Protein backbone atom coordinates (compact mmCIF):
# COMPACT_ATOMS: atom_id res chain seq x y z
CA MET A 1 -25.22 -10.99 55.70
CA HIS A 2 -23.56 -7.72 54.88
CA ILE A 3 -22.39 -5.03 57.26
CA ASP A 4 -20.12 -1.64 56.67
CA ALA A 5 -17.38 -1.52 59.57
CA ARG A 6 -17.77 2.20 58.83
CA LYS A 7 -21.21 2.30 60.17
CA LEU A 8 -20.16 0.53 63.57
CA GLU A 9 -19.78 2.15 66.98
CA ASN A 10 -15.95 2.54 67.66
CA GLY A 11 -14.60 -0.59 69.63
CA THR A 12 -17.38 -2.89 68.56
CA GLU A 13 -16.60 -6.20 69.58
CA ILE A 14 -17.64 -8.76 66.68
CA GLN A 15 -17.82 -12.28 67.84
CA GLY A 16 -17.88 -15.91 65.68
CA ASP A 17 -17.19 -19.53 65.56
CA ILE A 18 -14.50 -18.90 62.35
CA CYS A 19 -13.00 -15.53 60.82
CA ILE A 20 -11.98 -15.81 57.52
CA VAL A 21 -9.54 -12.49 56.41
CA GLY A 22 -9.84 -11.72 53.00
CA SER A 23 -12.34 -12.01 50.43
CA GLY A 24 -11.06 -13.05 47.09
CA ALA A 25 -10.61 -16.55 45.31
CA ALA A 26 -9.74 -18.55 48.75
CA GLY A 27 -11.83 -16.49 51.40
CA ILE A 28 -15.13 -16.83 49.41
CA SER A 29 -14.30 -20.08 47.89
CA MET A 30 -14.25 -21.22 51.83
CA ALA A 31 -17.00 -19.44 53.23
CA LEU A 32 -19.82 -20.49 50.39
CA GLU A 33 -18.59 -23.91 52.18
CA TRP A 34 -19.96 -22.90 55.51
CA ILE A 35 -23.18 -21.69 53.83
CA ASN A 36 -26.28 -23.27 55.86
CA THR A 37 -23.98 -24.43 58.56
CA PRO A 38 -24.72 -23.98 62.48
CA TYR A 39 -21.72 -21.78 62.92
CA LYS A 40 -21.22 -18.37 62.64
CA VAL A 41 -18.77 -17.01 60.26
CA ILE A 42 -16.82 -13.77 60.20
CA LEU A 43 -15.48 -13.00 56.12
CA LEU A 44 -13.67 -9.47 56.33
CA GLU A 45 -13.05 -7.55 53.50
CA GLY A 46 -10.58 -4.04 53.77
CA GLY A 47 -12.55 -2.80 50.81
CA GLY A 48 -16.10 -2.25 49.60
CA PHE A 49 -17.86 -3.86 46.35
CA GLU A 50 -16.26 -1.55 44.21
CA TYR A 51 -12.49 0.04 43.31
CA ASP A 52 -11.54 2.51 45.76
CA GLY A 53 -8.66 4.20 45.28
CA GLN A 54 -7.99 5.23 48.93
CA VAL A 55 -8.30 1.41 49.87
CA GLN A 56 -6.05 0.28 47.00
CA ASP A 57 -3.02 2.62 48.46
CA LEU A 58 -3.02 -0.07 51.28
CA TYR A 59 -1.40 -2.50 48.81
CA ALA A 60 1.29 0.22 47.90
CA GLY A 61 4.78 -1.20 48.75
CA LYS A 62 8.41 -1.85 47.61
CA ASN A 63 10.25 -3.57 44.95
CA THR A 64 14.60 -4.07 45.87
CA GLY A 65 15.04 -7.35 43.94
CA GLN A 66 14.77 -8.33 40.53
CA ARG A 67 12.41 -6.07 38.65
CA TYR A 68 8.39 -6.38 39.19
CA TYR A 69 4.97 -4.79 38.87
CA PRO A 70 4.38 -2.22 41.17
CA LEU A 71 2.90 -3.83 43.99
CA ARG A 72 -0.04 -1.64 45.25
CA SER A 73 -1.26 -2.57 41.06
CA SER A 74 -0.84 -6.30 40.98
CA ARG A 75 -3.48 -7.27 43.29
CA LEU A 76 -7.07 -5.96 43.59
CA HIS A 77 -8.38 -4.90 47.25
CA TYR A 78 -12.32 -5.06 47.37
CA PHE A 79 -15.17 -7.95 47.13
CA GLY A 80 -13.72 -10.89 44.50
CA GLY A 81 -10.43 -9.78 45.15
CA THR A 82 -7.98 -10.04 42.43
CA THR A 83 -10.56 -12.38 40.20
CA GLY A 84 -11.69 -8.94 39.08
CA HIS A 85 -8.63 -9.10 36.54
CA TRP A 86 -7.93 -12.43 36.39
CA ALA A 87 -7.67 -14.20 32.74
CA GLY A 88 -9.21 -17.08 33.56
CA MET A 89 -6.32 -19.86 32.54
CA CYS A 90 -6.52 -22.98 34.81
CA SER A 91 -4.71 -26.55 35.33
CA PRO A 92 -3.76 -28.76 38.44
CA TYR A 93 -0.29 -28.83 39.05
CA ASP A 94 1.45 -31.88 38.17
CA PRO A 95 2.56 -35.18 40.03
CA ILE A 96 6.37 -34.16 39.71
CA ASP A 97 5.22 -30.96 41.41
CA PHE A 98 4.79 -32.49 44.85
CA LYS A 99 7.40 -34.59 44.94
CA LYS A 100 10.60 -33.95 46.84
CA ARG A 101 13.59 -32.93 43.72
CA ASP A 102 16.61 -33.86 44.81
CA TRP A 103 18.21 -31.58 42.33
CA ILE A 104 15.47 -28.79 43.68
CA PRO A 105 16.75 -27.16 47.06
CA TYR A 106 13.39 -27.05 49.27
CA SER A 107 11.21 -29.02 47.07
CA GLY A 108 8.87 -31.17 48.44
CA TRP A 109 5.35 -31.29 49.74
CA PRO A 110 3.55 -32.95 53.07
CA ILE A 111 0.84 -33.97 50.40
CA THR A 112 0.97 -35.14 46.99
CA ARG A 113 -1.07 -34.42 44.12
CA GLU A 114 -4.05 -37.18 44.81
CA ASP A 115 -4.34 -35.60 47.86
CA LEU A 116 -5.70 -32.67 46.08
CA ASP A 117 -7.40 -34.36 42.94
CA PRO A 118 -11.29 -34.56 44.87
CA PHE A 119 -10.63 -30.86 45.97
CA TYR A 120 -9.60 -29.86 42.18
CA ALA A 121 -12.94 -31.43 40.84
CA ARG A 122 -14.52 -29.08 43.24
CA ALA A 123 -12.42 -26.19 42.27
CA ASN A 124 -13.68 -26.93 39.05
CA GLU A 125 -17.32 -26.30 39.68
CA VAL A 126 -16.57 -23.10 42.07
CA LEU A 127 -14.81 -21.29 39.07
CA GLU A 128 -16.76 -22.60 36.38
CA LEU A 129 -14.57 -24.74 34.55
CA GLY A 130 -15.47 -28.06 32.40
CA PRO A 131 -14.98 -31.55 33.87
CA TYR A 132 -11.90 -32.51 35.90
CA ARG A 133 -10.25 -33.89 32.69
CA TYR A 134 -7.06 -32.41 31.58
CA ASP A 135 -5.99 -35.15 29.06
CA MET A 136 -5.23 -35.10 25.26
CA GLU A 137 -8.41 -37.31 24.74
CA TYR A 138 -10.75 -34.54 26.53
CA LEU A 139 -8.96 -31.64 24.71
CA LYS A 140 -9.55 -33.84 20.95
CA GLU A 141 -13.13 -34.12 21.51
CA GLN A 142 -13.73 -30.20 22.47
CA ILE A 143 -11.34 -29.47 18.98
CA PRO A 144 -12.25 -32.50 16.63
CA GLY A 145 -9.67 -32.94 13.60
CA LYS A 146 -6.42 -31.51 15.28
CA GLU A 147 -3.16 -32.82 16.55
CA PRO A 148 -0.30 -32.19 18.44
CA LEU A 149 3.17 -31.29 16.71
CA PRO A 150 4.66 -34.91 16.27
CA LEU A 151 7.58 -34.75 18.70
CA ASP A 152 9.23 -37.38 20.62
CA GLU A 153 6.61 -38.01 23.39
CA ARG A 154 9.39 -39.45 25.42
CA MET A 155 10.88 -35.78 25.52
CA ILE A 156 7.84 -33.65 25.22
CA ARG A 157 4.92 -33.70 27.00
CA ASN A 158 1.23 -31.87 26.12
CA LYS A 159 -0.08 -29.97 29.36
CA VAL A 160 -3.81 -29.58 28.95
CA TRP A 161 -5.56 -26.15 30.52
CA GLN A 162 -8.74 -24.92 30.60
CA PHE A 163 -10.36 -21.81 30.73
CA SER A 164 -12.64 -19.94 33.20
CA PRO A 165 -15.15 -17.83 31.91
CA PRO A 166 -13.19 -16.00 33.93
CA THR A 167 -15.57 -16.21 36.95
CA ARG A 168 -15.04 -12.77 38.79
CA PHE A 169 -16.34 -13.75 41.69
CA ASN A 170 -17.88 -10.23 42.98
CA GLN A 171 -20.48 -11.04 40.14
CA LYS A 172 -21.05 -14.71 40.81
CA TYR A 173 -20.83 -15.23 44.83
CA ARG A 174 -21.81 -11.90 46.04
CA ASP A 175 -25.57 -12.50 46.54
CA ASP A 176 -24.41 -15.62 47.45
CA VAL A 177 -22.58 -14.18 50.76
CA VAL A 178 -24.66 -11.40 50.96
CA LYS A 179 -27.97 -13.77 51.32
CA ALA A 180 -26.69 -16.34 53.61
CA LYS A 181 -27.77 -16.10 57.00
CA ASN A 182 -25.19 -16.99 58.98
CA ILE A 183 -22.37 -15.73 57.00
CA HIS A 184 -21.56 -11.95 58.14
CA LEU A 185 -19.27 -10.01 55.64
CA TYR A 186 -18.12 -7.02 57.35
CA THR A 187 -16.77 -5.02 54.12
CA TYR A 188 -14.16 -1.98 55.44
CA ALA A 189 -12.78 -4.15 58.04
CA ASN A 190 -8.89 -4.07 57.19
CA LEU A 191 -6.93 -5.96 59.36
CA THR A 192 -4.36 -4.31 61.00
CA ASN A 193 -3.19 -6.69 63.70
CA ILE A 194 -3.05 -9.94 65.17
CA ILE A 195 -3.13 -10.23 68.63
CA SER A 196 -1.82 -13.88 70.47
CA ASN A 197 -1.47 -14.71 73.82
CA GLU A 198 1.12 -13.82 76.47
CA GLY A 199 2.74 -17.35 75.66
CA VAL A 200 2.08 -16.64 71.47
CA SER A 201 0.40 -20.40 71.24
CA THR A 202 -3.13 -19.63 70.50
CA ILE A 203 -4.79 -16.16 68.52
CA LYS A 204 -7.20 -14.04 70.95
CA ALA A 205 -8.32 -11.37 68.62
CA LEU A 206 -8.06 -9.21 65.52
CA GLU A 207 -7.81 -5.73 65.26
CA VAL A 208 -9.51 -4.03 62.19
CA LYS A 209 -9.32 -0.49 61.00
CA ASN A 210 -11.11 1.73 58.15
CA HIS A 211 -10.54 5.09 56.81
CA ALA A 212 -13.39 6.18 59.00
CA GLY A 213 -11.18 6.30 62.11
CA LYS A 214 -13.16 3.12 63.72
CA THR A 215 -11.65 -0.07 65.21
CA HIS A 216 -12.84 -2.71 65.68
CA HIS A 217 -12.20 -6.29 67.27
CA ILE A 218 -12.99 -9.56 66.07
CA LYS A 219 -12.85 -12.81 68.43
CA ALA A 220 -13.63 -16.35 67.39
CA HIS A 221 -12.56 -20.02 67.80
CA SER A 222 -10.29 -20.13 64.81
CA TYR A 223 -8.69 -17.53 62.24
CA VAL A 224 -7.92 -17.77 58.62
CA LEU A 225 -5.86 -15.41 56.53
CA ALA A 226 -6.88 -15.07 52.48
CA CYS A 227 -5.37 -12.23 52.25
CA GLY A 228 -2.87 -13.45 49.12
CA ALA A 229 1.45 -14.55 49.62
CA ILE A 230 2.29 -10.99 50.14
CA GLN A 231 -0.39 -9.66 52.64
CA ASN A 232 -0.79 -12.66 54.92
CA ALA A 233 3.29 -12.77 55.26
CA ARG A 234 3.17 -8.79 55.89
CA MET A 235 0.31 -9.07 58.62
CA LEU A 236 2.58 -11.87 60.20
CA LEU A 237 5.29 -9.89 60.35
CA ALA A 238 3.47 -6.89 61.43
CA SER A 239 1.68 -8.50 64.69
CA ASN A 240 4.86 -8.68 66.55
CA LYS A 241 4.07 -6.90 69.97
CA GLN A 242 3.81 -10.19 71.58
CA ALA A 243 6.33 -11.63 69.38
CA PRO A 244 9.11 -9.68 68.36
CA ASN A 245 9.87 -11.23 65.32
CA GLY A 246 6.36 -11.60 63.89
CA LEU A 247 3.66 -14.16 64.83
CA GLY A 248 4.86 -18.20 63.59
CA ASN A 249 7.90 -16.67 62.90
CA GLN A 250 10.01 -18.33 65.33
CA ASN A 251 12.34 -20.04 62.19
CA ASP A 252 12.90 -16.59 60.38
CA LEU A 253 10.97 -18.39 57.85
CA VAL A 254 7.66 -16.09 57.33
CA GLY A 255 8.41 -14.07 54.06
CA ARG A 256 10.47 -15.95 52.60
CA TYR A 257 10.32 -18.58 49.29
CA PHE A 258 8.17 -15.53 47.60
CA MET A 259 7.72 -17.35 44.23
CA GLU A 260 6.52 -16.43 40.99
CA HIS A 261 6.28 -17.75 37.78
CA LEU A 262 8.85 -17.08 35.37
CA GLU A 263 7.34 -16.00 32.11
CA VAL A 264 9.53 -14.43 29.10
CA ILE A 265 10.04 -14.45 25.32
CA SER A 266 12.71 -17.14 24.62
CA ALA A 267 12.90 -18.25 21.36
CA GLN A 268 11.25 -18.67 17.58
CA MET A 269 10.64 -21.92 16.06
CA VAL A 270 10.72 -22.01 11.99
CA LEU A 271 8.89 -25.20 10.53
CA LYS A 272 9.28 -26.03 7.35
CA LYS A 273 5.58 -25.79 5.97
CA PRO A 274 2.69 -24.60 7.77
CA PHE A 275 1.20 -26.54 10.81
CA ALA A 276 -2.14 -25.66 12.34
CA MET A 277 -1.86 -24.97 15.85
CA ASP A 278 -5.73 -24.62 16.73
CA ILE A 279 -4.85 -27.01 19.69
CA TYR A 280 -2.50 -24.84 21.37
CA GLY A 281 -5.00 -22.10 21.46
CA TRP A 282 -4.33 -18.85 20.36
CA PRO A 283 -5.70 -16.74 19.43
CA GLU A 284 -9.38 -17.23 18.62
CA ASN A 285 -9.65 -20.94 20.67
CA ILE A 286 -8.90 -19.05 23.83
CA LYS A 287 -11.86 -20.41 25.69
CA LYS A 288 -11.95 -23.47 24.57
CA PRO A 289 -9.25 -26.16 26.09
CA ARG A 290 -5.44 -25.51 25.06
CA ILE A 291 -2.19 -27.37 25.29
CA GLU A 292 1.49 -25.72 25.81
CA ALA A 293 4.72 -27.91 25.38
CA GLY A 294 6.81 -29.15 28.27
CA LEU A 295 9.51 -31.36 29.57
CA THR A 296 8.21 -34.59 30.29
CA GLU A 297 8.90 -35.60 33.95
CA GLU A 298 11.92 -38.12 33.11
CA MET A 299 13.93 -35.19 31.00
CA GLN A 300 13.64 -33.03 33.85
CA GLU A 301 14.93 -35.43 36.19
CA LYS A 302 17.53 -36.93 33.57
CA HIS A 303 18.75 -32.58 33.26
CA GLN A 304 18.13 -31.49 36.84
CA ILE A 305 15.92 -29.02 35.94
CA LEU A 306 12.46 -27.27 36.74
CA ASN A 307 9.37 -27.56 35.51
CA GLY A 308 8.38 -25.18 32.34
CA THR A 309 5.75 -25.04 29.49
CA ILE A 310 5.73 -23.17 26.23
CA SER A 311 3.54 -21.70 24.02
CA PHE A 312 3.30 -20.69 20.46
CA THR A 313 2.13 -17.26 18.97
CA PRO A 314 2.11 -16.55 15.28
CA MET A 315 4.83 -13.90 14.45
CA ALA A 316 2.44 -11.83 12.28
CA LEU A 317 0.34 -11.52 15.86
CA THR A 318 3.64 -10.30 18.13
CA LYS A 319 5.00 -7.77 16.03
CA SER A 320 3.76 -4.56 18.34
CA GLN A 321 3.70 -6.48 21.38
CA LYS A 322 5.76 -5.35 24.56
CA PRO A 323 7.17 -7.56 27.30
CA MET A 324 4.55 -7.73 30.26
CA ILE A 325 6.55 -6.01 32.74
CA ASP A 326 6.95 -2.78 30.38
CA VAL A 327 2.80 -2.64 30.19
CA TRP A 328 2.23 -3.05 33.49
CA THR A 329 3.69 -0.12 35.11
CA SER A 330 1.27 2.05 36.18
CA ASP A 331 0.00 1.89 39.90
CA ASP A 332 -3.31 1.97 39.21
CA PRO A 333 -4.44 -1.51 38.40
CA ASN A 334 -7.11 0.59 35.92
CA GLU A 335 -4.92 1.94 34.06
CA SER A 336 -2.50 -0.95 34.15
CA GLU A 337 -5.28 -3.16 32.65
CA LYS A 338 -6.03 -1.26 30.02
CA ASN A 339 -2.46 -0.79 28.96
CA LEU A 340 -2.27 -4.51 28.94
CA TRP A 341 -5.54 -5.02 26.65
CA GLU A 342 -3.66 -2.19 24.31
CA ASN A 343 -0.91 -4.38 24.08
CA PHE A 344 -3.01 -7.43 22.67
CA LYS A 345 -4.83 -5.17 20.09
CA ASP A 346 -2.93 -6.97 17.47
CA TYR A 347 -4.54 -10.45 18.28
CA GLU A 348 -7.86 -8.89 17.55
CA GLU A 349 -6.68 -7.44 13.95
CA ILE A 350 -7.57 -10.95 12.29
CA PRO A 351 -7.12 -11.19 8.92
CA LYS A 352 -10.41 -11.17 7.32
CA ASP A 353 -8.81 -13.31 3.87
CA GLY A 354 -10.31 -16.51 5.50
CA LYS A 355 -6.93 -17.70 6.66
CA ASN A 356 -6.45 -19.42 9.80
CA PRO A 357 -3.92 -17.26 11.74
CA ASN A 358 -2.82 -20.36 13.76
CA GLU A 359 -1.69 -22.10 10.75
CA ALA A 360 1.49 -20.19 10.24
CA ALA A 361 5.04 -21.38 9.87
CA VAL A 362 6.92 -19.12 12.36
CA PHE A 363 5.84 -18.59 15.90
CA GLU A 364 7.23 -16.83 18.54
CA LEU A 365 7.99 -19.22 21.70
CA PHE A 366 6.76 -17.94 25.27
CA THR A 367 7.88 -19.65 28.74
CA ARG A 368 6.23 -20.11 31.70
CA MET A 369 8.06 -22.07 34.52
CA GLU A 370 8.22 -22.70 37.95
CA GLN A 371 10.73 -20.36 39.89
CA ALA A 372 13.20 -22.37 42.02
CA PRO A 373 12.20 -21.77 46.06
CA ASN A 374 14.72 -19.76 47.42
CA PRO A 375 14.85 -18.11 51.36
CA ASN A 376 16.56 -15.13 49.70
CA SER A 377 13.39 -14.22 47.73
CA ARG A 378 11.22 -12.75 50.47
CA ILE A 379 8.65 -10.42 51.51
CA LEU A 380 9.81 -8.08 54.22
CA LEU A 381 8.32 -4.80 56.16
CA ASP A 382 9.50 -1.08 54.97
CA SER A 383 9.77 1.54 57.37
CA GLU A 384 7.03 3.39 55.69
CA LYS A 385 3.46 2.51 57.07
CA ASP A 386 0.52 2.89 55.12
CA GLU A 387 -2.43 4.94 56.52
CA LEU A 388 -3.78 2.85 58.87
CA GLY A 389 0.09 2.26 60.95
CA VAL A 390 0.85 -0.58 59.20
CA PRO A 391 4.35 -1.26 57.73
CA ARG A 392 4.70 -1.18 54.09
CA ALA A 393 5.66 -4.61 52.21
CA ASN A 394 8.86 -4.90 50.61
CA LEU A 395 9.07 -7.70 48.09
CA HIS A 396 12.73 -8.72 47.14
CA TRP A 397 12.39 -11.17 44.24
CA ASP A 398 15.26 -12.94 43.86
CA LEU A 399 16.51 -15.59 41.09
CA THR A 400 18.77 -18.54 41.11
CA GLU A 401 22.05 -19.89 38.91
CA LEU A 402 19.10 -23.14 38.53
CA ASP A 403 16.02 -20.46 36.71
CA LYS A 404 18.29 -19.37 34.06
CA ARG A 405 19.93 -23.02 33.45
CA SER A 406 16.49 -24.69 33.46
CA LEU A 407 15.17 -22.05 31.30
CA ARG A 408 18.14 -22.62 28.43
CA LYS A 409 17.75 -26.11 28.78
CA ILE A 410 14.02 -26.72 28.24
CA TYR A 411 14.34 -24.78 24.80
CA GLU A 412 17.76 -26.74 23.98
CA ILE A 413 15.56 -30.18 24.52
CA PHE A 414 12.77 -29.17 22.59
CA GLY A 415 14.70 -27.53 19.65
CA GLU A 416 15.93 -31.14 19.77
CA ALA A 417 12.78 -32.69 19.53
CA VAL A 418 11.64 -30.20 16.81
CA GLY A 419 14.88 -31.34 14.54
CA LYS A 420 14.89 -34.59 15.51
CA ALA A 421 11.40 -34.62 14.12
CA GLY A 422 12.23 -32.62 11.07
CA ILE A 423 9.59 -30.49 10.91
CA GLY A 424 11.87 -27.13 11.27
CA ARG A 425 14.24 -25.18 13.72
CA VAL A 426 13.96 -23.57 16.96
CA LYS A 427 16.66 -20.04 17.59
CA MET A 428 17.17 -19.39 21.07
CA TYR A 429 17.11 -15.53 21.49
CA ASP A 430 20.16 -14.19 22.51
CA PHE A 431 19.92 -14.53 26.31
CA LEU A 432 19.59 -17.89 26.64
CA TRP A 433 22.93 -18.36 24.44
CA LYS A 434 26.11 -18.37 27.12
CA ALA A 435 26.22 -21.42 28.72
CA ASN A 436 27.41 -20.06 32.16
CA ASP A 437 25.20 -16.89 32.33
CA SER A 438 22.98 -16.91 35.00
CA GLU A 439 21.72 -13.27 34.66
CA MET A 440 18.02 -13.09 33.88
CA LEU A 441 16.42 -10.10 31.47
CA ASN A 442 15.50 -6.95 32.77
CA THR A 443 11.76 -7.44 30.05
CA LEU A 444 11.61 -10.92 32.38
CA GLY A 445 8.16 -10.56 34.14
CA GLY A 446 5.68 -12.47 36.11
CA GLY A 447 2.20 -13.39 35.71
CA TRP A 448 0.79 -11.73 38.90
CA HIS A 449 1.29 -15.20 40.48
CA HIS A 450 1.90 -14.89 44.17
CA MET A 451 3.18 -17.82 46.06
CA GLY A 452 5.04 -19.37 49.09
CA THR A 453 5.78 -16.71 51.86
CA THR A 454 4.28 -19.61 54.38
CA LYS A 455 5.50 -22.22 52.85
CA MET A 456 3.64 -25.95 53.64
CA HIS A 457 6.43 -27.82 55.37
CA ASP A 458 5.45 -30.68 58.19
CA ASP A 459 8.78 -29.90 60.13
CA PRO A 460 8.93 -25.88 61.53
CA LYS A 461 12.33 -25.47 60.94
CA GLN A 462 11.31 -26.01 57.29
CA GLY A 463 7.50 -24.32 57.02
CA VAL A 464 5.22 -22.08 58.37
CA VAL A 465 2.18 -23.89 58.29
CA ASP A 466 1.55 -28.18 58.35
CA ALA A 467 -0.17 -30.25 55.83
CA HIS A 468 -3.45 -28.65 57.55
CA CYS A 469 -2.14 -24.70 56.51
CA LYS A 470 -2.13 -24.71 60.21
CA VAL A 471 0.67 -22.39 61.35
CA HIS A 472 3.41 -23.98 63.83
CA GLY A 473 2.86 -23.27 67.23
CA LEU A 474 -0.25 -21.25 67.29
CA SER A 475 -3.10 -23.80 67.70
CA ASN A 476 -6.50 -21.48 66.17
CA LEU A 477 -4.42 -19.69 63.18
CA PHE A 478 -4.71 -20.75 59.38
CA ILE A 479 -3.63 -19.89 56.25
CA ALA A 480 -5.42 -20.23 53.08
CA GLY A 481 -4.48 -19.88 49.52
CA SER A 482 -1.39 -20.02 47.24
CA ALA A 483 0.93 -18.67 50.37
CA CYS A 484 1.08 -22.12 51.22
CA CYS A 485 3.07 -23.68 48.07
CA THR A 486 5.83 -24.92 48.74
CA THR A 487 7.21 -24.87 45.03
CA ALA A 488 5.70 -23.30 42.47
CA GLY A 489 4.38 -25.36 39.65
CA VAL A 490 3.78 -24.87 36.40
CA PRO A 491 0.18 -23.79 35.94
CA ASN A 492 -1.70 -20.30 36.99
CA PRO A 493 -2.06 -20.82 40.50
CA THR A 494 -6.13 -20.30 41.01
CA LEU A 495 -7.62 -23.45 40.52
CA ASN A 496 -4.66 -24.76 42.98
CA LEU A 497 -5.12 -22.08 45.82
CA VAL A 498 -8.80 -22.87 45.53
CA ALA A 499 -8.40 -26.52 46.03
CA LEU A 500 -6.10 -25.68 48.75
CA SER A 501 -8.60 -23.72 50.52
CA LEU A 502 -11.90 -26.32 49.85
CA ARG A 503 -9.26 -28.77 51.56
CA LEU A 504 -8.99 -26.53 54.59
CA SER A 505 -12.00 -26.07 54.86
CA ASP A 506 -13.11 -29.60 55.15
CA TYR A 507 -10.30 -29.95 57.83
CA LEU A 508 -12.13 -26.95 59.86
CA LYS A 509 -14.92 -28.50 59.68
CA GLU A 510 -14.00 -31.24 61.55
CA GLU A 511 -11.96 -29.79 63.82
CA MET A 512 -15.56 -27.79 64.88
CA LYS A 513 -17.26 -30.69 65.26
CA ASN A 514 -14.68 -32.13 67.72
CA LYS A 515 -14.66 -28.99 69.86
């Protein structure tokens, strides 16, 4: 069922059993789980079914730390959310990502990879991926006759990825949501305030507004914020009438530990003779499983570094490519996306001479690495407010010495492995040469992968939500998606955030049964 909140009588009170705020990958994945249940589910979307510049402007904000993309264009504000322009690259987190690693401050999830495995399998179906297999045997079944670089397996591992079509939730799941009798989708219903009781122990209602001048209130048994890592933190901080520091922020943790994947062109690999790199998947096999090279868990622990992977692009296809941070510069997400694909045009200009472009001798090496959890990397409220009266977000993206040291060490070890195999040499680019230099390149970018800000930890002094994604100190407020990540891992976060959302959905169903 779909209702346009602009057409409701001003001051309408909407009641249900569960209210999910946000209709991106997390919110829609959860809503689908509740179809044909005996519960009334309220799904709130701030925009409509199409791009609306006025609604998109509610995402505008400031960047005051490490250079980053414009906040206004780093997320899409309509039904389906940022799945409207994601690339579809998926892989589960590695077991080490969930562990407490003594060399990485603030690491350690209260759940394990094994806890998420059944939900990863279900998320694979939601995202229209292949079977829940991310092993080399599966990869070789899909791309037969090809082998990875012959590197020491004690040093270098192969990280397998699958690709969603990509699933555009706006198109794929719109009818399912709208036609469901117990799912009540309200578009143009922007969350502007979360109202708690006087003791700040439970949520009583949500306030929503739109540009038509309407204000409504939502009342439910349980509330789920599925607005993305930046907006979830922003709304908790801005809802400060009962709690002066913001909801869930009694220990000053809301908004902290913002994480991205560090993505940067880092080195060059020159092989003694051309090698068929088809299973590394660029460019014509991009929709088949692919691998990237990473360091084994043993190497990460031995050298006390972060988890990261390396991808390979033939140098012939990278001549005019600019760093992503220099391409995605417009506040308009449609304009920035257009610039992004224009930047990739050389990849489409594959030689017509019948030669395999993946079979080359010189490759550019690109990093995707987890960011060290850092309390100084955070979301704050700005003094400026949006048109609906909510303080805008201020992203202060902050990196650490461990980030730069890990990036350098990954390439030192990979270069050693390539040399040891006798197949070629790796040349690190200049910014990685100085051993004690912790400064990052201005061209370093991210993957538009927002994580942390309401990190998961069973101790309320170390995290905002518990292992079930419930906000500490509030009996009926939950967070869905990548905002709950304790560490960033290597993979793009979509598969992980959908898995976390499905796990939360199962937990809430059990809670509902016991009410």
